[in-house]
PDB file of N, CA and C in Angstrom:
ATOM      1  N   UNK A   1     -55.671 -61.646  23.320  1.00  0.00           N
ATOM      2  CA  UNK A   1     -54.606 -62.515  23.973  1.00  0.00           C
ATOM      3  C   UNK A   1     -54.437 -63.521  22.788  1.00  0.00           C
ATOM      4  N   UNK A   2     -53.035 -63.937  22.286  1.00  0.00           N
ATOM      5  CA  UNK A   2     -53.296 -64.697  21.145  1.00  0.00           C
ATOM      6  C   UNK A   2     -53.042 -66.162  21.361  1.00  0.00           C
ATOM      7  N   UNK A   3     -53.441 -66.960  20.396  1.00  0.00           N
ATOM      8  CA  UNK A   3     -53.038 -68.548  20.412  1.00  0.00           C
ATOM      9  C   UNK A   3     -51.883 -68.876  20.428  1.00  0.00           C
ATOM     10  N   UNK A   4     -51.289 -70.309  20.608  1.00  0.00           N
ATOM     11  CA  UNK A   4     -50.195 -70.958  20.031  1.00  0.00           C
ATOM     12  C   UNK A   4     -49.819 -70.556  19.123  1.00  0.00           C
ATOM     13  N   UNK A   5     -48.785 -69.754  18.302  1.00  0.00           N
ATOM     14  CA  UNK A   5     -48.258 -69.402  17.174  1.00  0.00           C
ATOM     15  C   UNK A   5     -47.859 -70.946  16.373  1.00  0.00           C
ATOM     16  N   UNK A   6     -48.557 -70.884  14.999  1.00  0.00           N
ATOM     17  CA  UNK A   6     -48.719 -71.864  14.458  1.00  0.00           C
ATOM     18  C   UNK A   6     -47.631 -71.834  12.859  1.00  0.00           C
ATOM     19  N   UNK A   7     -46.764 -73.016  12.755  1.00  0.00           N
ATOM     20  CA  UNK A   7     -46.076 -72.040  11.689  1.00  0.00           C
ATOM     21  C   UNK A   7     -46.618 -72.010   9.799  1.00  0.00           C
ATOM     22  N   UNK A   8     -46.270 -71.627   9.483  1.00  0.00           N
ATOM     23  CA  UNK A   8     -46.733 -70.824   7.926  1.00  0.00           C
ATOM     24  C   UNK A   8     -45.986 -71.348   6.809  1.00  0.00           C
ATOM     25  N   UNK A   9     -46.579 -72.293   6.187  1.00  0.00           N
ATOM     26  CA  UNK A   9     -46.216 -72.331   5.027  1.00  0.00           C
ATOM     27  C   UNK A   9     -45.693 -71.178   4.076  1.00  0.00           C
ATOM     28  N   UNK A  10     -44.064 -71.064   3.645  1.00  0.00           N
ATOM     29  CA  UNK A  10     -44.212 -69.957   3.103  1.00  0.00           C
ATOM     30  C   UNK A  10     -44.364 -69.446   1.762  1.00  0.00           C
ATOM     31  N   UNK A  11     -45.081 -68.488   0.926  1.00  0.00           N
ATOM     32  CA  UNK A  11     -45.214 -68.600  -0.278  1.00  0.00           C
ATOM     33  C   UNK A  11     -44.421 -67.343  -0.896  1.00  0.00           C
ATOM     34  N   UNK A  12     -44.362 -67.596  -2.402  1.00  0.00           N
ATOM     35  CA  UNK A  12     -43.831 -66.216  -2.644  1.00  0.00           C
ATOM     36  C   UNK A  12     -44.945 -64.990  -3.383  1.00  0.00           C
ATOM     37  N   UNK A  13     -44.913 -64.080  -3.156  1.00  0.00           N
ATOM     38  CA  UNK A  13     -46.018 -62.967  -4.226  1.00  0.00           C
ATOM     39  C   UNK A  13     -46.360 -63.583  -5.547  1.00  0.00           C
ATOM     40  N   UNK A  14     -47.443 -64.363  -5.915  1.00  0.00           N
ATOM     41  CA  UNK A  14     -48.095 -64.050  -7.112  1.00  0.00           C
ATOM     42  C   UNK A  14     -47.579 -62.660  -8.296  1.00  0.00           C
ATOM     43  N   UNK A  15     -47.552 -61.599  -7.769  1.00  0.00           N
ATOM     44  CA  UNK A  15     -47.622 -60.711  -8.652  1.00  0.00           C
ATOM     45  C   UNK A  15     -46.780 -59.557  -7.760  1.00  0.00           C
ATOM     46  N   UNK A  16     -46.060 -58.487  -7.821  1.00  0.00           N
ATOM     47  CA  UNK A  16     -45.140 -57.535  -7.503  1.00  0.00           C
ATOM     48  C   UNK A  16     -44.620 -56.739  -8.182  1.00  0.00           C
ATOM     49  N   UNK A  17     -45.174 -55.277  -7.844  1.00  0.00           N
ATOM     50  CA  UNK A  17     -45.037 -53.974  -8.675  1.00  0.00           C
ATOM     51  C   UNK A  17     -44.775 -53.119  -7.729  1.00  0.00           C
ATOM     52  N   UNK A  18     -44.152 -52.039  -8.282  1.00  0.00           N
ATOM     53  CA  UNK A  18     -43.209 -50.217  -7.478  1.00  0.00           C
ATOM     54  C   UNK A  18     -44.031 -49.645  -8.464  1.00  0.00           C
ATOM     55  N   UNK A  19     -44.482 -48.839  -7.961  1.00  0.00           N
ATOM     56  CA  UNK A  19     -44.681 -47.696  -8.510  1.00  0.00           C
ATOM     57  C   UNK A  19     -44.992 -46.151  -7.542  1.00  0.00           C
ATOM     58  N   UNK A  20     -43.813 -45.352  -8.472  1.00  0.00           N
ATOM     59  CA  UNK A  20     -43.643 -44.392  -7.731  1.00  0.00           C
ATOM     60  C   UNK A  20     -43.179 -44.503  -6.174  1.00  0.00           C
ATOM     61  N   UNK A  21     -42.545 -45.408  -5.976  1.00  0.00           N
ATOM     62  CA  UNK A  21     -41.808 -46.001  -5.163  1.00  0.00           C
ATOM     63  C   UNK A  21     -42.443 -46.414  -3.818  1.00  0.00           C
ATOM     64  N   UNK A  22     -43.605 -46.850  -4.730  1.00  0.00           N
ATOM     65  CA  UNK A  22     -44.507 -47.802  -3.627  1.00  0.00           C
ATOM     66  C   UNK A  22     -44.769 -49.083  -4.039  1.00  0.00           C
ATOM     67  N   UNK A  23     -44.245 -49.973  -3.517  1.00  0.00           N
ATOM     68  CA  UNK A  23     -44.436 -51.233  -3.406  1.00  0.00           C
ATOM     69  C   UNK A  23     -45.453 -52.225  -3.129  1.00  0.00           C
ATOM     70  N   UNK A  24     -46.000 -53.001  -3.808  1.00  0.00           N
ATOM     71  CA  UNK A  24     -47.606 -53.839  -3.667  1.00  0.00           C
ATOM     72  C   UNK A  24     -46.757 -55.668  -4.473  1.00  0.00           C
ATOM     73  N   UNK A  25     -47.172 -56.334  -2.852  1.00  0.00           N
ATOM     74  CA  UNK A  25     -46.906 -57.947  -3.234  1.00  0.00           C
ATOM     75  C   UNK A  25     -47.707 -58.207  -3.316  1.00  0.00           C
ATOM     76  N   UNK A  26     -48.457 -58.980  -3.628  1.00  0.00           N
ATOM     77  CA  UNK A  26     -49.600 -59.441  -3.865  1.00  0.00           C
ATOM     78  C   UNK A  26     -50.005 -61.272  -3.912  1.00  0.00           C
ATOM     79  N   UNK A  27     -50.297 -61.534  -3.181  1.00  0.00           N
ATOM     80  CA  UNK A  27     -49.811 -62.929  -2.589  1.00  0.00           C
ATOM     81  C   UNK A  27     -51.284 -63.893  -2.990  1.00  0.00           C
ATOM     82  N   UNK A  28     -51.054 -65.314  -3.434  1.00  0.00           N
ATOM     83  CA  UNK A  28     -52.368 -66.299  -3.494  1.00  0.00           C
ATOM     84  C   UNK A  28     -51.975 -67.142  -2.426  1.00  0.00           C
ATOM     85  N   UNK A  29     -52.791 -67.419  -1.422  1.00  0.00           N
ATOM     86  CA  UNK A  29     -52.176 -68.819  -0.513  1.00  0.00           C
ATOM     87  C   UNK A  29     -54.013 -69.361  -0.288  1.00  0.00           C
ATOM     88  N   UNK A  30     -53.616 -70.846   0.146  1.00  0.00           N
ATOM     89  CA  UNK A  30     -54.328 -71.827   0.673  1.00  0.00           C
ATOM     90  C   UNK A  30     -54.162 -71.931   2.670  1.00  0.00           C
ATOM     91  N   UNK A  31     -54.930 -72.408   3.089  1.00  0.00           N
ATOM     92  CA  UNK A  31     -54.990 -72.107   4.270  1.00  0.00           C
ATOM     93  C   UNK A  31     -53.849 -72.741   4.934  1.00  0.00           C
ATOM     94  N   UNK A  32     -53.109 -72.222   5.327  1.00  0.00           N
ATOM     95  CA  UNK A  32     -51.999 -72.968   6.143  1.00  0.00           C
ATOM     96  C   UNK A  32     -50.650 -71.711   5.768  1.00  0.00           C
ATOM     97  N   UNK A  33     -50.579 -71.405   4.608  1.00  0.00           N
ATOM     98  CA  UNK A  33     -50.153 -70.715   3.838  1.00  0.00           C
ATOM     99  C   UNK A  33     -49.742 -69.333   3.979  1.00  0.00           C
ATOM    100  N   UNK A  34     -48.471 -68.692   3.652  1.00  0.00           N
ATOM    101  CA  UNK A  34     -48.510 -66.953   3.534  1.00  0.00           C
ATOM    102  C   UNK A  34     -47.227 -66.555   3.910  1.00  0.00           C
ATOM    103  N   UNK A  35     -47.443 -65.907   4.767  1.00  0.00           N
ATOM    104  CA  UNK A  35     -45.722 -64.896   5.203  1.00  0.00           C
ATOM    105  C   UNK A  35     -45.830 -65.637   6.837  1.00  0.00           C
ATOM    106  N   UNK A  36     -44.506 -66.489   7.039  1.00  0.00           N
ATOM    107  CA  UNK A  36     -44.111 -67.238   8.184  1.00  0.00           C
ATOM    108  C   UNK A  36     -43.576 -65.655   9.283  1.00  0.00           C
ATOM    109  N   UNK A  37     -43.368 -66.015  10.534  1.00  0.00           N
ATOM    110  CA  UNK A  37     -42.751 -65.367  11.399  1.00  0.00           C
ATOM    111  C   UNK A  37     -41.415 -64.338  11.155  1.00  0.00           C
ATOM    112  N   UNK A  38     -41.895 -63.385  10.872  1.00  0.00           N
ATOM    113  CA  UNK A  38     -40.416 -62.618  10.505  1.00  0.00           C
ATOM    114  C   UNK A  38     -40.664 -60.805  10.880  1.00  0.00           C
ATOM    115  N   UNK A  39     -39.569 -60.337  10.783  1.00  0.00           N
ATOM    116  CA  UNK A  39     -39.571 -59.142  10.984  1.00  0.00           C
ATOM    117  C   UNK A  39     -38.436 -58.071  10.203  1.00  0.00           C
ATOM    118  N   UNK A  40     -38.923 -56.841   9.635  1.00  0.00           N
ATOM    119  CA  UNK A  40     -37.910 -56.119   8.842  1.00  0.00           C
ATOM    120  C   UNK A  40     -37.983 -54.506   9.638  1.00  0.00           C
ATOM    121  N   UNK A  41     -37.037 -53.634   8.723  1.00  0.00           N
ATOM    122  CA  UNK A  41     -37.041 -52.423   9.343  1.00  0.00           C
ATOM    123  C   UNK A  41     -37.936 -51.576   8.893  1.00  0.00           C
ATOM    124  N   UNK A  42     -38.781 -51.584   8.199  1.00  0.00           N
ATOM    125  CA  UNK A  42     -39.773 -50.817   7.387  1.00  0.00           C
ATOM    126  C   UNK A  42     -41.293 -51.539   7.554  1.00  0.00           C
ATOM    127  N   UNK A  43     -42.126 -50.454   8.048  1.00  0.00           N
ATOM    128  CA  UNK A  43     -43.493 -50.749   8.350  1.00  0.00           C
ATOM    129  C   UNK A  43     -44.477 -51.359   6.616  1.00  0.00           C
ATOM    130  N   UNK A  44     -44.956 -51.580   7.156  1.00  0.00           N
ATOM    131  CA  UNK A  44     -46.485 -52.051   5.767  1.00  0.00           C
ATOM    132  C   UNK A  44     -47.642 -51.911   6.051  1.00  0.00           C
ATOM    133  N   UNK A  45     -48.655 -52.109   5.397  1.00  0.00           N
ATOM    134  CA  UNK A  45     -49.733 -52.099   5.231  1.00  0.00           C
ATOM    135  C   UNK A  45     -50.227 -53.550   4.719  1.00  0.00           C
ATOM    136  N   UNK A  46     -51.250 -54.236   5.141  1.00  0.00           N
ATOM    137  CA  UNK A  46     -51.639 -55.213   4.792  1.00  0.00           C
ATOM    138  C   UNK A  46     -53.783 -55.033   4.526  1.00  0.00           C
ATOM    139  N   UNK A  47     -53.684 -55.994   3.904  1.00  0.00           N
ATOM    140  CA  UNK A  47     -55.333 -55.833   3.380  1.00  0.00           C
ATOM    141  C   UNK A  47     -55.488 -57.121   2.653  1.00  0.00           C
ATOM    142  N   UNK A  48     -57.064 -57.251   2.712  1.00  0.00           N
ATOM    143  CA  UNK A  48     -57.379 -58.647   2.368  1.00  0.00           C
ATOM    144  C   UNK A  48     -59.039 -58.860   0.944  1.00  0.00           C
ATOM    145  N   UNK A  49     -57.991 -58.722  -0.390  1.00  0.00           N
ATOM    146  CA  UNK A  49     -59.288 -58.184  -0.877  1.00  0.00           C
ATOM    147  C   UNK A  49     -60.234 -60.098  -1.489  1.00  0.00           C
ATOM    148  N   UNK A  50     -59.792 -60.942  -1.020  1.00  0.00           N
ATOM    149  CA  UNK A  50     -60.150 -62.092  -1.376  1.00  0.00           C
ATOM    150  C   UNK A  50     -60.051 -63.278   0.282  1.00  0.00           C
ATOM    151  N   UNK A  51     -60.866 -63.612   0.115  1.00  0.00           N
ATOM    152  CA  UNK A  51     -60.757 -64.733   1.674  1.00  0.00           C
ATOM    153  C   UNK A  51     -60.245 -64.212   2.720  1.00  0.00           C
ATOM    154  N   UNK A  52     -59.682 -64.961   3.708  1.00  0.00           N
ATOM    155  CA  UNK A  52     -59.641 -64.161   4.934  1.00  0.00           C
ATOM    156  C   UNK A  52     -58.391 -64.885   5.525  1.00  0.00           C
ATOM    157  N   UNK A  53     -57.626 -64.089   6.119  1.00  0.00           N
ATOM    158  CA  UNK A  53     -56.363 -64.131   6.816  1.00  0.00           C
ATOM    159  C   UNK A  53     -56.474 -63.846   8.116  1.00  0.00           C
ATOM    160  N   UNK A  54     -55.576 -64.711   9.077  1.00  0.00           N
ATOM    161  CA  UNK A  54     -55.170 -64.384  10.397  1.00  0.00           C
ATOM    162  C   UNK A  54     -53.680 -63.252  10.703  1.00  0.00           C
ATOM    163  N   UNK A  55     -53.241 -62.560  11.295  1.00  0.00           N
ATOM    164  CA  UNK A  55     -52.290 -61.442  11.366  1.00  0.00           C
ATOM    165  C   UNK A  55     -52.048 -61.628  12.728  1.00  0.00           C
ATOM    166  N   UNK A  56     -50.549 -63.014  13.353  1.00  0.00           N
ATOM    167  CA  UNK A  56     -50.056 -62.194  14.620  1.00  0.00           C
ATOM    168  C   UNK A  56     -48.774 -61.162  14.272  1.00  0.00           C
ATOM    169  N   UNK A  57     -49.125 -60.682  15.667  1.00  0.00           N
ATOM    170  CA  UNK A  57     -48.052 -59.762  15.920  1.00  0.00           C
ATOM    171  C   UNK A  57     -47.897 -60.023  17.533  1.00  0.00           C
ATOM    172  N   UNK A  58     -46.863 -58.882  18.127  1.00  0.00           N
ATOM    173  CA  UNK A  58     -46.424 -59.225  19.435  1.00  0.00           C
ATOM    174  C   UNK A  58     -47.781 -59.141  20.033  1.00  0.00           C
ATOM    175  N   UNK A  59     -48.885 -59.918  21.220  1.00  0.00           N
ATOM    176  CA  UNK A  59     -49.609 -59.612  21.648  1.00  0.00           C
ATOM    177  C   UNK A  59     -51.155 -59.200  21.132  1.00  0.00           C
ATOM    178  N   UNK A  60     -50.719 -60.101  19.851  1.00  0.00           N
ATOM    179  CA  UNK A  60     -52.017 -59.521  19.084  1.00  0.00           C
ATOM    180  C   UNK A  60     -52.521 -60.740  17.608  1.00  0.00           C
ATOM    181  N   UNK A  61     -53.802 -61.103  17.862  1.00  0.00           N
ATOM    182  CA  UNK A  61     -54.008 -61.880  16.319  1.00  0.00           C
ATOM    183  C   UNK A  61     -55.181 -61.223  16.217  1.00  0.00           C
ATOM    184  N   UNK A  62     -55.145 -60.934  14.648  1.00  0.00           N
ATOM    185  CA  UNK A  62     -56.221 -60.327  13.944  1.00  0.00           C
ATOM    186  C   UNK A  62     -56.855 -61.000  12.671  1.00  0.00           C
ATOM    187  N   UNK A  63     -58.059 -61.256  12.623  1.00  0.00           N
ATOM    188  CA  UNK A  63     -58.363 -61.653  11.524  1.00  0.00           C
ATOM    189  C   UNK A  63     -58.863 -60.347  10.382  1.00  0.00           C
ATOM    190  N   UNK A  64     -58.656 -61.127   8.886  1.00  0.00           N
ATOM    191  CA  UNK A  64     -59.107 -60.145   7.950  1.00  0.00           C
ATOM    192  C   UNK A  64     -59.742 -60.735   6.878  1.00  0.00           C
ATOM    193  N   UNK A  65     -60.966 -60.020   6.610  1.00  0.00           N
ATOM    194  CA  UNK A  65     -61.201 -60.303   4.769  1.00  0.00           C
ATOM    195  C   UNK A  65     -61.410 -58.982   3.975  1.00  0.00           C
ATOM    196  N   UNK A  66     -62.269 -59.090   2.925  1.00  0.00           N
ATOM    197  CA  UNK A  66     -62.411 -58.102   1.812  1.00  0.00           C
ATOM    198  C   UNK A  66     -63.050 -56.608   2.871  1.00  0.00           C
ATOM    199  N   UNK A  67     -64.231 -57.046   3.789  1.00  0.00           N
ATOM    200  CA  UNK A  67     -64.481 -55.940   4.456  1.00  0.00           C
ATOM    201  C   UNK A  67     -63.745 -55.221   5.719  1.00  0.00           C
ATOM    202  N   UNK A  68     -62.529 -55.976   5.883  1.00  0.00           N
ATOM    203  CA  UNK A  68     -61.564 -55.171   6.729  1.00  0.00           C
ATOM    204  C   UNK A  68     -60.999 -53.755   6.510  1.00  0.00           C
ATOM    205  N   UNK A  69     -60.513 -52.997   7.192  1.00  0.00           N
ATOM    206  CA  UNK A  69     -60.077 -51.620   7.372  1.00  0.00           C
ATOM    207  C   UNK A  69     -57.765 -52.311   6.942  1.00  0.00           C
ATOM    208  N   UNK A  70     -57.211 -51.482   6.217  1.00  0.00           N
ATOM    209  CA  UNK A  70     -56.614 -52.787   6.006  1.00  0.00           C
ATOM    210  C   UNK A  70     -55.425 -52.307   7.447  1.00  0.00           C
ATOM    211  N   UNK A  71     -54.149 -53.278   7.701  1.00  0.00           N
ATOM    212  CA  UNK A  71     -53.737 -52.873   8.813  1.00  0.00           C
ATOM    213  C   UNK A  71     -52.324 -52.801   9.308  1.00  0.00           C
ATOM    214  N   UNK A  72     -51.727 -52.050   9.835  1.00  0.00           N
ATOM    215  CA  UNK A  72     -50.572 -51.080   9.546  1.00  0.00           C
ATOM    216  C   UNK A  72     -49.089 -52.108  10.388  1.00  0.00           C
ATOM    217  N   UNK A  73     -48.533 -52.894   9.983  1.00  0.00           N
ATOM    218  CA  UNK A  73     -47.719 -53.274  10.723  1.00  0.00           C
ATOM    219  C   UNK A  73     -46.134 -52.669  11.212  1.00  0.00           C
ATOM    220  N   UNK A  74     -46.206 -52.119  12.127  1.00  0.00           N
ATOM    221  CA  UNK A  74     -44.986 -51.883  12.506  1.00  0.00           C
ATOM    222  C   UNK A  74     -43.744 -52.443  11.665  1.00  0.00           C
ATOM    223  N   UNK A  75     -42.284 -51.470  11.745  1.00  0.00           N
ATOM    224  CA  UNK A  75     -41.169 -52.015  11.249  1.00  0.00           C
ATOM    225  C   UNK A  75     -40.608 -52.866  12.545  1.00  0.00           C
ATOM    226  N   UNK A  76     -39.553 -53.697  12.714  1.00  0.00           N
ATOM    227  CA  UNK A  76     -39.181 -53.635  13.783  1.00  0.00           C
ATOM    228  C   UNK A  76     -39.486 -54.474  15.090  1.00  0.00           C
ATOM    229  N   UNK A  77     -40.796 -55.012  14.571  1.00  0.00           N
ATOM    230  CA  UNK A  77     -42.096 -55.745  15.242  1.00  0.00           C
ATOM    231  C   UNK A  77     -42.038 -57.289  14.468  1.00  0.00           C
ATOM    232  N   UNK A  78     -42.268 -58.423  15.052  1.00  0.00           N
ATOM    233  CA  UNK A  78     -42.336 -59.598  14.713  1.00  0.00           C
ATOM    234  C   UNK A  78     -43.831 -59.400  14.405  1.00  0.00           C
ATOM    235  N   UNK A  79     -44.080 -60.454  12.976  1.00  0.00           N
ATOM    236  CA  UNK A  79     -45.621 -60.743  12.762  1.00  0.00           C
ATOM    237  C   UNK A  79     -45.224 -61.478  11.606  1.00  0.00           C
ATOM    238  N   UNK A  80     -46.599 -61.955  11.562  1.00  0.00           N
ATOM    239  CA  UNK A  80     -46.639 -63.703  10.806  1.00  0.00           C
ATOM    240  C   UNK A  80     -48.790 -63.568   9.958  1.00  0.00           C
ATOM    241  N   UNK A  81     -48.391 -64.122   8.384  1.00  0.00           N
ATOM    242  CA  UNK A  81     -50.163 -63.462   7.854  1.00  0.00           C
ATOM    243  C   UNK A  81     -50.185 -64.912   7.619  1.00  0.00           C
ATOM    244  N   UNK A  82     -50.894 -65.817   7.630  1.00  0.00           N
ATOM    245  CA  UNK A  82     -51.792 -66.952   7.128  1.00  0.00           C
ATOM    246  C   UNK A  82     -53.205 -67.261   6.737  1.00  0.00           C
ATOM    247  N   UNK A  83     -52.838 -67.401   5.709  1.00  0.00           N
ATOM    248  CA  UNK A  83     -54.448 -67.505   5.135  1.00  0.00           C
ATOM    249  C   UNK A  83     -55.513 -68.431   5.791  1.00  0.00           C
ATOM    250  N   UNK A  84     -56.518 -68.463   5.741  1.00  0.00           N
ATOM    251  CA  UNK A  84     -57.112 -69.762   6.829  1.00  0.00           C
ATOM    252  C   UNK A  84     -58.701 -69.808   5.814  1.00  0.00           C
ATOM    253  N   UNK A  85     -58.542 -69.376   4.775  1.00  0.00           N
ATOM    254  CA  UNK A  85     -59.912 -69.949   3.468  1.00  0.00           C
ATOM    255  C   UNK A  85     -59.239 -70.077   2.210  1.00  0.00           C
ATOM    256  N   UNK A  86     -59.526 -71.248   1.780  1.00  0.00           N
ATOM    257  CA  UNK A  86     -59.294 -71.345   0.547  1.00  0.00           C
ATOM    258  C   UNK A  86     -59.280 -70.165  -0.411  1.00  0.00           C
ATOM    259  N   UNK A  87     -58.514 -69.857  -1.531  1.00  0.00           N
ATOM    260  CA  UNK A  87     -58.187 -69.203  -2.506  1.00  0.00           C
ATOM    261  C   UNK A  87     -58.266 -67.263  -1.855  1.00  0.00           C
ATOM    262  N   UNK A  88     -57.457 -67.581  -1.011  1.00  0.00           N
ATOM    263  CA  UNK A  88     -57.200 -66.573  -0.432  1.00  0.00           C
ATOM    264  C   UNK A  88     -55.912 -65.424  -1.346  1.00  0.00           C
ATOM    265  N   UNK A  89     -56.379 -64.176  -0.683  1.00  0.00           N
ATOM    266  CA  UNK A  89     -55.594 -63.152  -1.698  1.00  0.00           C
ATOM    267  C   UNK A  89     -55.192 -62.044  -0.617  1.00  0.00           C
ATOM    268  N   UNK A  90     -54.140 -61.703  -0.113  1.00  0.00           N
ATOM    269  CA  UNK A  90     -53.362 -60.050   0.104  1.00  0.00           C
ATOM    270  C   UNK A  90     -52.628 -60.079  -0.032  1.00  0.00           C
ATOM    271  N   UNK A  91     -52.510 -58.788   0.250  1.00  0.00           N
ATOM    272  CA  UNK A  91     -51.232 -57.702   0.219  1.00  0.00           C
ATOM    273  C   UNK A  91     -50.912 -56.948   0.829  1.00  0.00           C
ATOM    274  N   UNK A  92     -49.325 -56.882   0.564  1.00  0.00           N
ATOM    275  CA  UNK A  92     -48.784 -55.719   2.048  1.00  0.00           C
ATOM    276  C   UNK A  92     -47.909 -55.089   0.680  1.00  0.00           C
ATOM    277  N   UNK A  93     -48.152 -53.300   1.383  1.00  0.00           N
ATOM    278  CA  UNK A  93     -47.632 -52.433   0.654  1.00  0.00           C
ATOM    279  C   UNK A  93     -46.881 -51.453   1.350  1.00  0.00           C
ATOM    280  N   UNK A  94     -45.371 -51.413   1.140  1.00  0.00           N
ATOM    281  CA  UNK A  94     -44.450 -50.198   1.650  1.00  0.00           C
ATOM    282  C   UNK A  94     -44.073 -49.265   0.915  1.00  0.00           C
ATOM    283  N   UNK A  95     -43.056 -48.082   1.136  1.00  0.00           N
ATOM    284  CA  UNK A  95     -42.833 -47.173   0.701  1.00  0.00           C
ATOM    285  C   UNK A  95     -41.565 -47.739   0.789  1.00  0.00           C
ATOM    286  N   UNK A  96     -40.763 -47.556  -0.802  1.00  0.00           N
ATOM    287  CA  UNK A  96     -39.268 -48.282  -0.688  1.00  0.00           C
ATOM    288  C   UNK A  96     -38.540 -46.705  -0.542  1.00  0.00           C
ATOM    289  N   UNK A  97     -37.186 -47.299   0.152  1.00  0.00           N
ATOM    290  CA  UNK A  97     -36.588 -46.354   0.608  1.00  0.00           C
ATOM    291  C   UNK A  97     -36.817 -45.621   2.166  1.00  0.00           C
ATOM    292  N   UNK A  98     -37.883 -45.951   2.285  1.00  0.00           N
ATOM    293  CA  UNK A  98     -38.709 -45.241   3.650  1.00  0.00           C
ATOM    294  C   UNK A  98     -38.882 -46.376   4.848  1.00  0.00           C
ATOM    295  N   UNK A  99     -37.823 -46.753   5.659  1.00  0.00           N
ATOM    296  CA  UNK A  99     -37.915 -47.366   6.358  1.00  0.00           C
ATOM    297  C   UNK A  99     -39.338 -47.532   7.634  1.00  0.00           C
ATOM    298  N   UNK A 100     -39.756 -46.531   7.531  1.00  0.00           N
ATOM    299  CA  UNK A 100     -41.129 -47.044   8.242  1.00  0.00           C
ATOM    300  C   UNK A 100     -41.651 -45.591   9.221  1.00  0.00           C
TER     301      UNK A 100
END
């Protein structure tokens, strides 16, 4: 069961790189920052190498840190990513040209 969805302050990726048609967006965020509620056509994986994030998506709330397996976020489904610790780093990875 999810709690009430909180507004997240959007941050831009600190680093962004594409290699062999795979895009990596690397975010640095403080508590309350991240990527607000949105959806898109493509799926992407998210992982958190530093700090802690909360992912909300339809009917699900997941907390992740450096020990968590990456989470696959489906295309065409809303989701939100929020930092919950200072100095959090999270990464979104997706294939360019592949809607998922």
